[in-house]
C-alpha atoms as a PDB file:
ATOM      1  CA  MET A   1     -43.021  42.568 -32.339  1.00  0.00           C
ATOM      2  CA  SER A   2     -39.541  43.572 -32.077  1.00  0.00           C
ATOM      3  CA  LYS A   3     -37.494  40.119 -32.147  1.00  0.00           C
ATOM      4  CA  ASP A   4     -34.239  42.075 -30.957  1.00  0.00           C
ATOM      5  CA  ILE A   5     -35.720  43.073 -27.533  1.00  0.00           C
ATOM      6  CA  ILE A   6     -37.544  41.592 -24.707  1.00  0.00           C
ATOM      7  CA  THR A   7     -41.151  42.080 -24.763  1.00  0.00           C
ATOM      8  CA  LEU A   8     -44.006  40.705 -22.146  1.00  0.00           C
ATOM      9  CA  ALA A   9     -44.704  38.224 -24.141  1.00  0.00           C
ATOM     10  CA  HIS A  10     -41.483  36.476 -24.027  1.00  0.00           C
ATOM     11  CA  GLY A  11     -42.594  36.195 -20.043  1.00  0.00           C
ATOM     12  CA  ASN A  12     -46.191  34.336 -20.760  1.00  0.00           C
ATOM     13  CA  GLY A  13     -45.042  30.650 -21.295  1.00  0.00           C
ATOM     14  CA  GLY A  14     -46.237  30.440 -24.519  1.00  0.00           C
ATOM     15  CA  LEU A  15     -44.150  30.256 -27.730  1.00  0.00           C
ATOM     16  CA  LEU A  16     -41.990  33.169 -27.155  1.00  0.00           C
ATOM     17  CA  THR A  17     -41.040  32.027 -23.645  1.00  0.00           C
ATOM     18  CA  HIS A  18     -40.135  28.767 -25.167  1.00  0.00           C
ATOM     19  CA  THR A  19     -38.118  30.394 -28.325  1.00  0.00           C
ATOM     20  CA  LEU A  20     -36.268  32.172 -25.942  1.00  0.00           C
ATOM     21  CA  ILE A  21     -35.655  29.260 -23.542  1.00  0.00           C
ATOM     22  CA  GLU A  22     -34.365  27.407 -26.817  1.00  0.00           C
ATOM     23  CA  GLN A  23     -32.741  30.068 -28.589  1.00  0.00           C
ATOM     24  CA  VAL A  24     -30.455  31.638 -25.265  1.00  0.00           C
ATOM     25  CA  PHE A  25     -30.362  29.756 -22.121  1.00  0.00           C
ATOM     26  CA  ALA A  26     -30.744  25.837 -23.547  1.00  0.00           C
ATOM     27  CA  ALA A  27     -28.354  26.702 -26.415  1.00  0.00           C
ATOM     28  CA  ALA A  28     -25.580  28.132 -23.703  1.00  0.00           C
ATOM     29  CA  PHE A  29     -26.104  25.754 -20.655  1.00  0.00           C
ATOM     30  CA  ALA A  30     -26.840  22.520 -23.195  1.00  0.00           C
ATOM     31  CA  ASN A  31     -26.065  19.439 -20.976  1.00  0.00           C
ATOM     32  CA  PRO A  32     -27.820  15.912 -20.706  1.00  0.00           C
ATOM     33  CA  ILE A  33     -29.824  16.936 -17.387  1.00  0.00           C
ATOM     34  CA  LEU A  34     -30.805  20.556 -18.657  1.00  0.00           C
ATOM     35  CA  ASP A  35     -32.040  18.691 -21.776  1.00  0.00           C
ATOM     36  CA  LEU A  36     -34.739  16.926 -20.277  1.00  0.00           C
ATOM     37  CA  GLN A  37     -36.125  20.592 -19.450  1.00  0.00           C
ATOM     38  CA  GLY A  38     -37.971  18.932 -16.299  1.00  0.00           C
ATOM     39  CA  ASP A  39     -39.509  20.607 -13.326  1.00  0.00           C
ATOM     40  CA  SER A  40     -36.802  19.615 -11.703  1.00  0.00           C
ATOM     41  CA  ALA A  41     -33.294  18.623 -12.468  1.00  0.00           C
ATOM     42  CA  LEU A  42     -32.144  15.026 -11.300  1.00  0.00           C
ATOM     43  CA  ILE A  43     -28.682  14.884 -10.491  1.00  0.00           C
ATOM     44  CA  GLY A  44     -26.230  12.636  -8.962  1.00  0.00           C
ATOM     45  CA  LEU A  45     -23.979  13.147  -5.939  1.00  0.00           C
ATOM     46  CA  GLU A  46     -21.517  10.591  -4.819  1.00  0.00           C
ATOM     47  CA  SER A  47     -22.103  10.077  -0.613  1.00  0.00           C
ATOM     48  CA  GLY A  48     -20.983  13.000   1.498  1.00  0.00           C
ATOM     49  CA  ALA A  49     -22.383  15.577   2.935  1.00  0.00           C
ATOM     50  CA  ALA A  50     -24.342  18.222   0.534  1.00  0.00           C
ATOM     51  CA  VAL A  51     -24.570  21.960   0.753  1.00  0.00           C
ATOM     52  CA  PHE A  52     -26.731  24.241  -1.186  1.00  0.00           C
ATOM     53  CA  THR A  53     -26.771  28.174  -1.395  1.00  0.00           C
ATOM     54  CA  THR A  54     -28.507  30.725  -2.547  1.00  0.00           C
ATOM     55  CA  ASP A  55     -28.088  34.002  -3.736  1.00  0.00           C
ATOM     56  CA  SER A  56     -30.083  37.320  -6.102  1.00  0.00           C
ATOM     57  CA  PHE A  57     -27.854  39.599  -7.986  1.00  0.00           C
ATOM     58  CA  VAL A  58     -28.978  43.109  -9.108  1.00  0.00           C
ATOM     59  CA  ILE A  59     -25.738  45.294  -9.500  1.00  0.00           C
ATOM     60  CA  LYS A  60     -25.630  48.086 -11.704  1.00  0.00           C
ATOM     61  CA  PRO A  61     -24.694  48.475 -14.194  1.00  0.00           C
ATOM     62  CA  LEU A  62     -25.122  45.344 -15.794  1.00  0.00           C
ATOM     63  CA  PHE A  63     -21.673  45.316 -17.294  1.00  0.00           C
ATOM     64  CA  PHE A  64     -18.130  46.710 -15.593  1.00  0.00           C
ATOM     65  CA  PRO A  65     -14.653  46.211 -15.848  1.00  0.00           C
ATOM     66  CA  GLY A  66     -13.590  42.649 -15.719  1.00  0.00           C
ATOM     67  CA  GLY A  67     -17.012  41.456 -15.033  1.00  0.00           C
ATOM     68  CA  ASP A  68     -20.684  41.283 -15.872  1.00  0.00           C
ATOM     69  CA  ILE A  69     -24.040  40.218 -13.597  1.00  0.00           C
ATOM     70  CA  GLY A  70     -23.409  37.014 -15.334  1.00  0.00           C
ATOM     71  CA  LYS A  71     -19.927  36.254 -14.658  1.00  0.00           C
ATOM     72  CA  LEU A  72     -20.911  38.022 -10.947  1.00  0.00           C
ATOM     73  CA  ALA A  73     -24.220  35.446 -10.903  1.00  0.00           C
ATOM     74  CA  VAL A  74     -21.816  32.413 -10.936  1.00  0.00           C
ATOM     75  CA  ALA A  75     -18.838  33.046  -9.626  1.00  0.00           C
ATOM     76  CA  GLY A  76     -20.709  34.551  -6.139  1.00  0.00           C
ATOM     77  CA  THR A  77     -22.962  31.338  -5.937  1.00  0.00           C
ATOM     78  CA  VAL A  78     -19.584  29.023  -6.846  1.00  0.00           C
ATOM     79  CA  ASN A  79     -17.837  31.277  -4.169  1.00  0.00           C
ATOM     80  CA  ASP A  80     -20.347  30.741  -1.189  1.00  0.00           C
ATOM     81  CA  LEU A  81     -20.267  26.548  -1.493  1.00  0.00           C
ATOM     82  CA  ALA A  82     -16.204  27.133  -1.383  1.00  0.00           C
ATOM     83  CA  VAL A  83     -15.779  28.849   1.559  1.00  0.00           C
ATOM     84  CA  ALA A  84     -18.170  26.160   3.115  1.00  0.00           C
ATOM     85  CA  GLY A  85     -15.599  23.467   2.516  1.00  0.00           C
ATOM     86  CA  ALA A  86     -17.599  22.189  -0.895  1.00  0.00           C
ATOM     87  CA  VAL A  87     -16.897  21.528  -4.353  1.00  0.00           C
ATOM     88  CA  PRO A  88     -19.411  22.599  -5.961  1.00  0.00           C
ATOM     89  CA  ARG A  89     -21.333  20.918  -8.509  1.00  0.00           C
ATOM     90  CA  TYR A  90     -24.561  22.012  -9.703  1.00  0.00           C
ATOM     91  CA  LEU A  91     -26.107  25.517 -10.407  1.00  0.00           C
ATOM     92  CA  SER A  92     -29.407  26.930 -11.335  1.00  0.00           C
ATOM     93  CA  ALA A  93     -30.549  30.442 -12.298  1.00  0.00           C
ATOM     94  CA  SER A  94     -33.653  32.663 -12.368  1.00  0.00           C
ATOM     95  CA  PHE A  95     -33.796  35.785 -14.701  1.00  0.00           C
ATOM     96  CA  ILE A  96     -36.248  38.385 -14.108  1.00  0.00           C
ATOM     97  CA  ILE A  97     -35.938  40.379 -17.327  1.00  0.00           C
ATOM     98  CA  GLU A  98     -37.358  44.319 -17.891  1.00  0.00           C
ATOM     99  CA  GLU A  99     -39.252  44.545 -21.495  1.00  0.00           C
ATOM    100  CA  GLY A 100     -36.914  45.958 -23.657  1.00  0.00           C
ATOM    101  CA  LEU A 101     -33.956  44.418 -22.854  1.00  0.00           C
ATOM    102  CA  PRO A 102     -31.808  43.909 -26.246  1.00  0.00           C
ATOM    103  CA  ILE A 103     -31.612  40.190 -26.953  1.00  0.00           C
ATOM    104  CA  ASN A 104     -28.130  40.856 -27.714  1.00  0.00           C
ATOM    105  CA  GLU A 105     -27.010  41.956 -24.382  1.00  0.00           C
ATOM    106  CA  LEU A 106     -28.934  38.934 -22.673  1.00  0.00           C
ATOM    107  CA  LYS A 107     -26.729  36.403 -25.050  1.00  0.00           C
ATOM    108  CA  THR A 108     -23.914  38.160 -24.229  1.00  0.00           C
ATOM    109  CA  ILE A 109     -24.485  37.346 -20.192  1.00  0.00           C
ATOM    110  CA  VAL A 110     -25.458  33.901 -20.886  1.00  0.00           C
ATOM    111  CA  ALA A 111     -22.427  33.032 -22.982  1.00  0.00           C
ATOM    112  CA  SER A 112     -20.496  34.617 -19.670  1.00  0.00           C
ATOM    113  CA  MET A 113     -22.341  32.580 -17.238  1.00  0.00           C
ATOM    114  CA  GLN A 114     -21.267  29.739 -19.229  1.00  0.00           C
ATOM    115  CA  ARG A 115     -17.683  30.904 -19.860  1.00  0.00           C
ATOM    116  CA  THR A 116     -17.419  30.780 -16.093  1.00  0.00           C
ATOM    117  CA  ALA A 117     -19.380  27.701 -14.863  1.00  0.00           C
ATOM    118  CA  ARG A 118     -17.257  25.589 -17.384  1.00  0.00           C
ATOM    119  CA  GLN A 119     -14.323  26.954 -16.280  1.00  0.00           C
ATOM    120  CA  ALA A 120     -15.454  25.903 -12.108  1.00  0.00           C
ATOM    121  CA  GLY A 121     -16.225  23.160 -13.231  1.00  0.00           C
ATOM    122  CA  VAL A 122     -20.357  23.235 -12.329  1.00  0.00           C
ATOM    123  CA  VAL A 123     -22.821  22.858 -14.563  1.00  0.00           C
ATOM    124  CA  ILE A 124     -26.181  25.098 -14.688  1.00  0.00           C
ATOM    125  CA  VAL A 125     -28.733  22.084 -14.769  1.00  0.00           C
ATOM    126  CA  ALA A 126     -32.419  24.179 -14.308  1.00  0.00           C
ATOM    127  CA  GLY A 127     -33.888  27.741 -14.708  1.00  0.00           C
ATOM    128  CA  ASP A 128     -36.874  30.410 -15.147  1.00  0.00           C
ATOM    129  CA  THR A 129     -37.262  33.028 -16.521  1.00  0.00           C
ATOM    130  CA  LYS A 130     -39.977  35.822 -16.182  1.00  0.00           C
ATOM    131  CA  VAL A 131     -40.431  39.163 -17.897  1.00  0.00           C
ATOM    132  CA  VAL A 132     -41.702  42.628 -16.134  1.00  0.00           C
ATOM    133  CA  GLU A 133     -43.384  45.494 -18.017  1.00  0.00           C
ATOM    134  CA  LYS A 134     -41.147  48.505 -18.600  1.00  0.00           C
ATOM    135  CA  GLY A 135     -40.471  50.201 -14.877  1.00  0.00           C
ATOM    136  CA  GLY A 136     -41.383  46.639 -12.872  1.00  0.00           C
ATOM    137  CA  ALA A 137     -37.250  46.330 -12.917  1.00  0.00           C
ATOM    138  CA  ASP A 138     -33.777  47.649 -13.925  1.00  0.00           C
ATOM    139  CA  LYS A 139     -33.017  45.838 -16.661  1.00  0.00           C
ATOM    140  CA  LEU A 140     -31.987  42.155 -15.623  1.00  0.00           C
ATOM    141  CA  PHE A 141     -32.131  40.164 -12.068  1.00  0.00           C
ATOM    142  CA  ILE A 142     -30.600  37.101 -11.767  1.00  0.00           C
ATOM    143  CA  THR A 143     -30.896  34.362  -8.402  1.00  0.00           C
ATOM    144  CA  THR A 144     -28.960  31.660  -8.648  1.00  0.00           C
ATOM    145  CA  SER A 145     -28.505  28.414  -6.779  1.00  0.00           C
ATOM    146  CA  GLY A 146     -25.588  25.880  -6.054  1.00  0.00           C
ATOM    147  CA  ILE A 147     -25.272  22.644  -4.651  1.00  0.00           C
ATOM    148  CA  GLY A 148     -21.617  20.905  -3.609  1.00  0.00           C
ATOM    149  CA  THR A 149     -20.383  18.068  -1.511  1.00  0.00           C
ATOM    150  CA  ARG A 150     -18.043  18.897   1.239  1.00  0.00           C
ATOM    151  CA  ILE A 151     -14.456  17.903   0.899  1.00  0.00           C
ATOM    152  CA  HIS A 152     -14.452  17.323   4.617  1.00  0.00           C
ATOM    153  CA  GLU A 153     -18.157  15.527   5.365  1.00  0.00           C
ATOM    154  CA  THR A 154     -17.193  16.390   9.692  1.00  0.00           C
ATOM    155  CA  GLN A 155     -15.983  19.807   9.307  1.00  0.00           C
ATOM    156  CA  GLU A 156     -17.891  22.794   9.850  1.00  0.00           C
ATOM    157  CA  PHE A 157     -16.490  26.336   9.273  1.00  0.00           C
ATOM    158  CA  THR A 158     -17.850  28.412  12.127  1.00  0.00           C
ATOM    159  CA  PRO A 159     -16.383  31.127  14.213  1.00  0.00           C
ATOM    160  CA  ALA A 160     -17.056  29.142  17.220  1.00  0.00           C
ATOM    161  CA  ASN A 161     -13.698  26.968  15.851  1.00  0.00           C
ATOM    162  CA  MET A 162     -11.575  29.771  16.270  1.00  0.00           C
ATOM    163  CA  ARG A 163      -8.978  29.928  18.857  1.00  0.00           C
ATOM    164  CA  ALA A 164      -6.659  32.779  21.075  1.00  0.00           C
ATOM    165  CA  GLY A 165      -3.252  33.207  18.087  1.00  0.00           C
ATOM    166  CA  ASP A 166      -4.945  31.631  15.233  1.00  0.00           C
ATOM    167  CA  CYS A 167      -3.707  33.689  12.441  1.00  0.00           C
ATOM    168  CA  VAL A 168      -6.301  35.558   9.440  1.00  0.00           C
ATOM    169  CA  LEU A 169      -5.495  35.290   5.944  1.00  0.00           C
ATOM    170  CA  LEU A 170      -6.429  37.674   3.463  1.00  0.00           C
ATOM    171  CA  SER A 171      -6.317  36.367  -0.416  1.00  0.00           C
ATOM    172  CA  GLY A 172      -5.307  39.688  -1.856  1.00  0.00           C
ATOM    173  CA  THR A 173      -6.325  43.194  -2.526  1.00  0.00           C
ATOM    174  CA  ILE A 174      -9.474  44.379  -1.065  1.00  0.00           C
ATOM    175  CA  GLY A 175     -12.303  46.753  -2.677  1.00  0.00           C
ATOM    176  CA  ASP A 176     -11.294  46.088  -6.163  1.00  0.00           C
ATOM    177  CA  HIS A 177     -14.916  45.000  -7.339  1.00  0.00           C
ATOM    178  CA  ALA A 178     -16.536  47.886  -5.337  1.00  0.00           C
ATOM    179  CA  ILE A 179     -13.934  50.521  -7.364  1.00  0.00           C
ATOM    180  CA  ALA A 180     -14.365  48.961 -10.713  1.00  0.00           C
ATOM    181  CA  VAL A 181     -18.177  48.958 -10.498  1.00  0.00           C
ATOM    182  CA  LEU A 182     -17.895  52.943  -9.166  1.00  0.00           C
ATOM    183  CA  SER A 183     -15.852  53.804 -12.641  1.00  0.00           C
ATOM    184  CA  ALA A 184     -18.522  52.052 -15.035  1.00  0.00           C
ATOM    185  CA  ARG A 185     -21.357  53.929 -13.561  1.00  0.00           C
ATOM    186  CA  GLY A 186     -19.508  57.320 -14.204  1.00  0.00           C
ATOM    187  CA  GLU A 187     -20.920  59.009 -10.871  1.00  0.00           C
ATOM    188  CA  TYR A 188     -17.292  60.654 -10.144  1.00  0.00           C
ATOM    189  CA  PRO A 189     -15.163  62.554 -13.020  1.00  0.00           C
ATOM    190  CA  LEU A 190     -12.478  60.168 -12.086  1.00  0.00           C
ATOM    191  CA  LYS A 191      -9.995  58.260 -14.637  1.00  0.00           C
ATOM    192  CA  ILE A 192     -10.025  54.739 -12.786  1.00  0.00           C
ATOM    193  CA  ASN A 193      -8.117  51.828 -14.341  1.00  0.00           C
ATOM    194  CA  ILE A 194      -9.496  48.909 -11.920  1.00  0.00           C
ATOM    195  CA  GLN A 195     -10.968  45.588 -12.935  1.00  0.00           C
ATOM    196  CA  SER A 196     -13.176  43.918 -10.578  1.00  0.00           C
ATOM    197  CA  ASP A 197     -11.664  41.160  -9.010  1.00  0.00           C
ATOM    198  CA  CYS A 198     -14.886  38.787  -9.716  1.00  0.00           C
ATOM    199  CA  ALA A 199     -13.690  35.124  -9.518  1.00  0.00           C
ATOM    200  CA  CYS A 200     -14.571  31.432  -8.912  1.00  0.00           C
ATOM    201  CA  LEU A 201     -12.439  30.349  -5.411  1.00  0.00           C
ATOM    202  CA  ASN A 202     -13.387  26.873  -5.876  1.00  0.00           C
ATOM    203  CA  ASP A 203     -10.129  25.504  -7.022  1.00  0.00           C
ATOM    204  CA  LEU A 204      -8.099  27.844  -4.305  1.00  0.00           C
ATOM    205  CA  THR A 205     -10.166  26.514  -1.639  1.00  0.00           C
ATOM    206  CA  CYS A 206     -10.019  23.088  -2.673  1.00  0.00           C
ATOM    207  CA  LYS A 207      -6.427  23.416  -2.592  1.00  0.00           C
ATOM    208  CA  LEU A 208      -6.009  24.808   1.053  1.00  0.00           C
ATOM    209  CA  LEU A 209      -8.614  22.212   2.216  1.00  0.00           C
ATOM    210  CA  ARG A 210      -6.291  19.256   1.055  1.00  0.00           C
ATOM    211  CA  ALA A 211      -2.621  20.760   2.273  1.00  0.00           C
ATOM    212  CA  VAL A 212      -3.691  20.583   5.992  1.00  0.00           C
ATOM    213  CA  PRO A 213      -5.798  19.180   8.568  1.00  0.00           C
ATOM    214  CA  ALA A 214      -9.148  19.599   7.814  1.00  0.00           C
ATOM    215  CA  GLU A 215      -9.643  21.526  11.585  1.00  0.00           C
ATOM    216  CA  SER A 216      -6.439  24.101  11.349  1.00  0.00           C
ATOM    217  CA  ILE A 217      -9.114  25.984   8.964  1.00  0.00           C
ATOM    218  CA  ARG A 218     -11.473  27.630  11.511  1.00  0.00           C
ATOM    219  CA  ILE A 219     -13.629  29.474   8.887  1.00  0.00           C
ATOM    220  CA  MET A 220     -13.547  30.659   5.575  1.00  0.00           C
ATOM    221  CA  ARG A 221     -15.564  33.888   3.813  1.00  0.00           C
ATOM    222  CA  ASP A 222     -15.532  35.803   0.634  1.00  0.00           C
ATOM    223  CA  PRO A 223     -15.837  38.969   2.129  1.00  0.00           C
ATOM    224  CA  THR A 224     -18.127  40.337  -0.672  1.00  0.00           C
ATOM    225  CA  ARG A 225     -20.747  43.265   0.828  1.00  0.00           C
ATOM    226  CA  GLY A 226     -20.033  45.455   3.585  1.00  0.00           C
ATOM    227  CA  GLY A 227     -16.056  44.057   2.673  1.00  0.00           C
ATOM    228  CA  LEU A 228     -13.742  42.885   4.938  1.00  0.00           C
ATOM    229  CA  ALA A 229     -15.036  45.051   8.193  1.00  0.00           C
ATOM    230  CA  THR A 230     -18.016  43.232   8.222  1.00  0.00           C
ATOM    231  CA  THR A 231     -17.143  39.705   6.947  1.00  0.00           C
ATOM    232  CA  LEU A 232     -14.058  40.155  10.755  1.00  0.00           C
ATOM    233  CA  ASN A 233     -17.175  41.840  12.430  1.00  0.00           C
ATOM    234  CA  GLU A 234     -19.460  38.528  11.700  1.00  0.00           C
ATOM    235  CA  PHE A 235     -16.570  36.365  12.651  1.00  0.00           C
ATOM    236  CA  ALA A 236     -15.777  38.081  16.144  1.00  0.00           C
ATOM    237  CA  LYS A 237     -19.633  38.129  16.679  1.00  0.00           C
ATOM    238  CA  GLY A 238     -19.786  34.660  16.388  1.00  0.00           C
ATOM    239  CA  GLY A 239     -16.774  33.778  18.161  1.00  0.00           C
ATOM    240  CA  ARG A 240     -15.590  34.260  21.897  1.00  0.00           C
ATOM    241  CA  TYR A 241     -12.410  36.277  21.111  1.00  0.00           C
ATOM    242  CA  ALA A 242     -11.221  39.835  19.376  1.00  0.00           C
ATOM    243  CA  ILE A 243      -9.635  39.874  16.046  1.00  0.00           C
ATOM    244  CA  GLU A 244      -6.584  42.216  15.967  1.00  0.00           C
ATOM    245  CA  ILE A 245      -5.582  43.508  11.975  1.00  0.00           C
ATOM    246  CA  GLU A 246      -2.629  45.500  11.379  1.00  0.00           C
ATOM    247  CA  GLU A 247      -3.474  48.060   8.711  1.00  0.00           C
ATOM    248  CA  SER A 248       0.109  48.088   7.045  1.00  0.00           C
ATOM    249  CA  GLU A 249      -0.313  44.231   6.397  1.00  0.00           C
ATOM    250  CA  ILE A 250      -3.530  44.968   4.536  1.00  0.00           C
ATOM    251  CA  PRO A 251      -2.843  44.731   0.625  1.00  0.00           C
ATOM    252  CA  CYS A 252      -5.089  47.653  -0.785  1.00  0.00           C
ATOM    253  CA  LYS A 253      -4.357  48.940  -4.745  1.00  0.00           C
ATOM    254  CA  GLN A 254      -2.797  52.720  -5.220  1.00  0.00           C
ATOM    255  CA  GLU A 255      -5.299  53.547  -7.321  1.00  0.00           C
ATOM    256  CA  VAL A 256      -8.395  52.025  -4.577  1.00  0.00           C
ATOM    257  CA  GLN A 257      -6.878  53.827  -2.220  1.00  0.00           C
ATOM    258  CA  ALA A 258      -6.838  56.947  -3.652  1.00  0.00           C
ATOM    259  CA  VAL A 259     -10.228  57.302  -4.355  1.00  0.00           C
ATOM    260  CA  CYS A 260     -11.141  56.253  -0.838  1.00  0.00           C
ATOM    261  CA  GLU A 261      -9.345  59.071  -0.089  1.00  0.00           C
ATOM    262  CA  LEU A 262     -11.265  61.575  -3.022  1.00  0.00           C
ATOM    263  CA  THR A 263     -14.720  60.017  -2.067  1.00  0.00           C
ATOM    264  CA  GLY A 264     -14.588  59.943   1.769  1.00  0.00           C
ATOM    265  CA  PHE A 265     -14.881  55.677   1.412  1.00  0.00           C
ATOM    266  CA  ASP A 266     -13.206  53.476   4.001  1.00  0.00           C
ATOM    267  CA  PRO A 267     -11.512  50.636   1.813  1.00  0.00           C
ATOM    268  CA  LEU A 268     -12.054  47.927   4.493  1.00  0.00           C
ATOM    269  CA  TYR A 269     -15.990  48.173   3.956  1.00  0.00           C
ATOM    270  CA  LEU A 270     -15.951  47.973  -0.074  1.00  0.00           C
ATOM    271  CA  ALA A 271     -17.053  45.097  -1.837  1.00  0.00           C
ATOM    272  CA  ASN A 272     -14.949  41.765  -3.173  1.00  0.00           C
ATOM    273  CA  GLU A 273     -16.045  39.570  -5.074  1.00  0.00           C
ATOM    274  CA  GLY A 274     -12.413  37.392  -5.830  1.00  0.00           C
ATOM    275  CA  LYS A 275     -11.031  37.545  -2.698  1.00  0.00           C
ATOM    276  CA  LEU A 276     -10.605  35.282   0.469  1.00  0.00           C
ATOM    277  CA  VAL A 277     -10.478  35.708   4.152  1.00  0.00           C
ATOM    278  CA  LEU A 278      -9.896  32.894   6.568  1.00  0.00           C
ATOM    279  CA  VAL A 279      -8.887  32.128   9.397  1.00  0.00           C
ATOM    280  CA  CYS A 280      -6.252  29.384  10.537  1.00  0.00           C
ATOM    281  CA  ALA A 281      -4.358  27.954  13.303  1.00  0.00           C
ATOM    282  CA  SER A 282      -0.828  29.489  13.546  1.00  0.00           C
ATOM    283  CA  GLU A 283       1.260  26.343  13.308  1.00  0.00           C
ATOM    284  CA  HIS A 284      -0.014  26.207   9.508  1.00  0.00           C
ATOM    285  CA  SER A 285      -0.679  29.711   8.494  1.00  0.00           C
ATOM    286  CA  SER A 286       3.092  29.731   6.645  1.00  0.00           C
ATOM    287  CA  THR A 287       1.744  26.560   4.506  1.00  0.00           C
ATOM    288  CA  LEU A 288      -1.737  28.261   3.785  1.00  0.00           C
ATOM    289  CA  LEU A 289      -0.169  31.224   2.642  1.00  0.00           C
ATOM    290  CA  GLU A 290       2.645  29.501   0.106  1.00  0.00           C
ATOM    291  CA  ILE A 291      -0.340  27.548  -1.304  1.00  0.00           C
ATOM    292  CA  MET A 292      -2.370  31.121  -1.858  1.00  0.00           C
ATOM    293  CA  ARG A 293       0.439  33.284  -3.163  1.00  0.00           C
ATOM    294  CA  ALA A 294       1.495  30.440  -5.675  1.00  0.00           C
ATOM    295  CA  HIS A 295      -2.510  31.073  -7.269  1.00  0.00           C
ATOM    296  CA  PRO A 296      -3.365  33.589  -9.866  1.00  0.00           C
ATOM    297  CA  LEU A 297      -5.933  34.744  -7.544  1.00  0.00           C
ATOM    298  CA  ALA A 298      -3.958  34.873  -4.461  1.00  0.00           C
ATOM    299  CA  LYS A 299      -0.528  36.346  -5.477  1.00  0.00           C
ATOM    300  CA  ALA A 300      -0.905  39.009  -3.011  1.00  0.00           C
ATOM    301  CA  ALA A 301      -1.982  37.370  -0.204  1.00  0.00           C
ATOM    302  CA  ALA A 302      -1.036  38.189   3.373  1.00  0.00           C
ATOM    303  CA  CYS A 303      -1.770  37.319   6.833  1.00  0.00           C
ATOM    304  CA  ILE A 304      -3.247  40.163   8.194  1.00  0.00           C
ATOM    305  CA  GLY A 305      -3.948  39.530  11.811  1.00  0.00           C
ATOM    306  CA  ARG A 306      -4.467  37.382  14.594  1.00  0.00           C
ATOM    307  CA  ILE A 307      -7.612  35.941  17.197  1.00  0.00           C
ATOM    308  CA  THR A 308      -6.483  38.005  20.681  1.00  0.00           C
ATOM    309  CA  ASP A 309      -8.060  36.400  23.961  1.00  0.00           C
ATOM    310  CA  ASN A 310     -10.333  39.259  24.768  1.00  0.00           C
ATOM    311  CA  SER A 311     -13.845  39.120  26.010  1.00  0.00           C
ATOM    312  CA  PHE A 312     -15.628  42.236  24.101  1.00  0.00           C
ATOM    313  CA  LYS A 313     -15.339  40.429  20.612  1.00  0.00           C
ATOM    314  CA  LYS A 314     -14.656  43.408  18.715  1.00  0.00           C
ATOM    315  CA  VAL A 315     -12.345  43.911  15.405  1.00  0.00           C
ATOM    316  CA  VAL A 316      -9.423  46.237  16.575  1.00  0.00           C
ATOM    317  CA  LEU A 317      -7.292  48.022  14.142  1.00  0.00           C
ATOM    318  CA  LYS A 318      -3.568  48.888  14.608  1.00  0.00           C
ATOM    319  CA  THR A 319      -3.111  51.369  12.400  1.00  0.00           C
ATOM    320  CA  THR A 320       0.012  52.920  10.047  1.00  0.00           C
ATOM    321  CA  VAL A 321       0.522  55.615  12.518  1.00  0.00           C
ATOM    322  CA  GLY A 322       0.383  53.622  15.499  1.00  0.00           C
ATOM    323  CA  GLY A 323      -2.919  54.103  17.083  1.00  0.00           C
ATOM    324  CA  THR A 324      -5.658  51.723  17.115  1.00  0.00           C
ATOM    325  CA  ARG A 325      -9.448  52.169  16.733  1.00  0.00           C
ATOM    326  CA  ILE A 326     -12.347  49.778  16.605  1.00  0.00           C
ATOM    327  CA  VAL A 327     -14.016  48.378  13.463  1.00  0.00           C
ATOM    328  CA  ASP A 328     -17.177  47.866  13.306  1.00  0.00           C
ATOM    329  CA  MET A 329     -19.670  46.286  11.221  1.00  0.00           C
ATOM    330  CA  LEU A 330     -20.641  48.402   8.482  1.00  0.00           C
ATOM    331  CA  ALA A 331     -23.517  50.809   9.202  1.00  0.00           C
ATOM    332  CA  GLY A 332     -26.019  51.773   5.817  1.00  0.00           C
ATOM    333  CA  GLU A 333     -25.014  50.785   2.548  1.00  0.00           C
ATOM    334  CA  MET A 334     -22.107  53.116   1.076  1.00  0.00           C
ATOM    335  CA  LEU A 335     -22.751  51.781  -2.302  1.00  0.00           C
ATOM    336  CA  PRO A 336     -25.621  50.246  -3.432  1.00  0.00           C
ATOM    337  CA  ARG A 337     -26.713  47.798  -6.097  1.00  0.00           C
ATOM    338  CA  ILE A 338     -23.408  46.526  -6.062  1.00  0.00           C
ATOM    339  CA  CYS A 339     -23.549  42.761  -6.648  1.00  0.00           C
END
């Protein structure tokens, strides 16, 4: 039996399962909580409201410019907690591994998870591993869950908080992650030099939440699958107003725009994994923009639009040529297996 690849025996709960856990996962994630290796992790949270989230990652390929499935799994879960107004604390990770995956690849991915978790200030305290036969999965799927504590216990970030005149802020260029993954797949004969924006946003969100009154930030989201357009449609649908955005104000790299022109993709619908969109009271928009632009993950931040007093609850784009069009929610999937 090869020691260099995952076999079905690694998932049977016996010696190879324990060896895999000890040599790959426990070795990388070692900490006093995980080292107990119980069925559940005993964690301590200071008084305050807890926030919990879970997510799964099936990206293809496992490695792409700027990241890999492991970094993506940690950052995606951290960001879901961060945009809920929480300080991320603990993560769990579940691995579904296809027979034949090289163990060195798994070790690289696990090391990337630990590095990303350490940088974000979170601890991976629990996990599970299953192995399926060849053809039963596509190399590796990861499911993560996360728990954190709210910065402002009483503040809930929902579209219902929005008011006419509020500003829509975006932390940077759109579409970077989707185009980076597209280039890694090699499906188009294009030379693309784009890195995924995959990153943990909790340091940025903490700075924003502590800089202004809690109620002045109405809602925050990370525009992942479905992109900026879908996220803004979720805002409009859940609130009482329409959203008007300016095409000329939306930051987008020239390389991303060029690929979109060649492929027919719309950058508004492309996935992002390290961007933040928020709606805030107009009187605090300048302060929040200044904080964003001073942060390494948000140097290209911009105010891209406003909440308008219109009852049809749509997202309207003012184009660079002076026209307007309704931006609907994404129908179908432009790029499957993107996260």
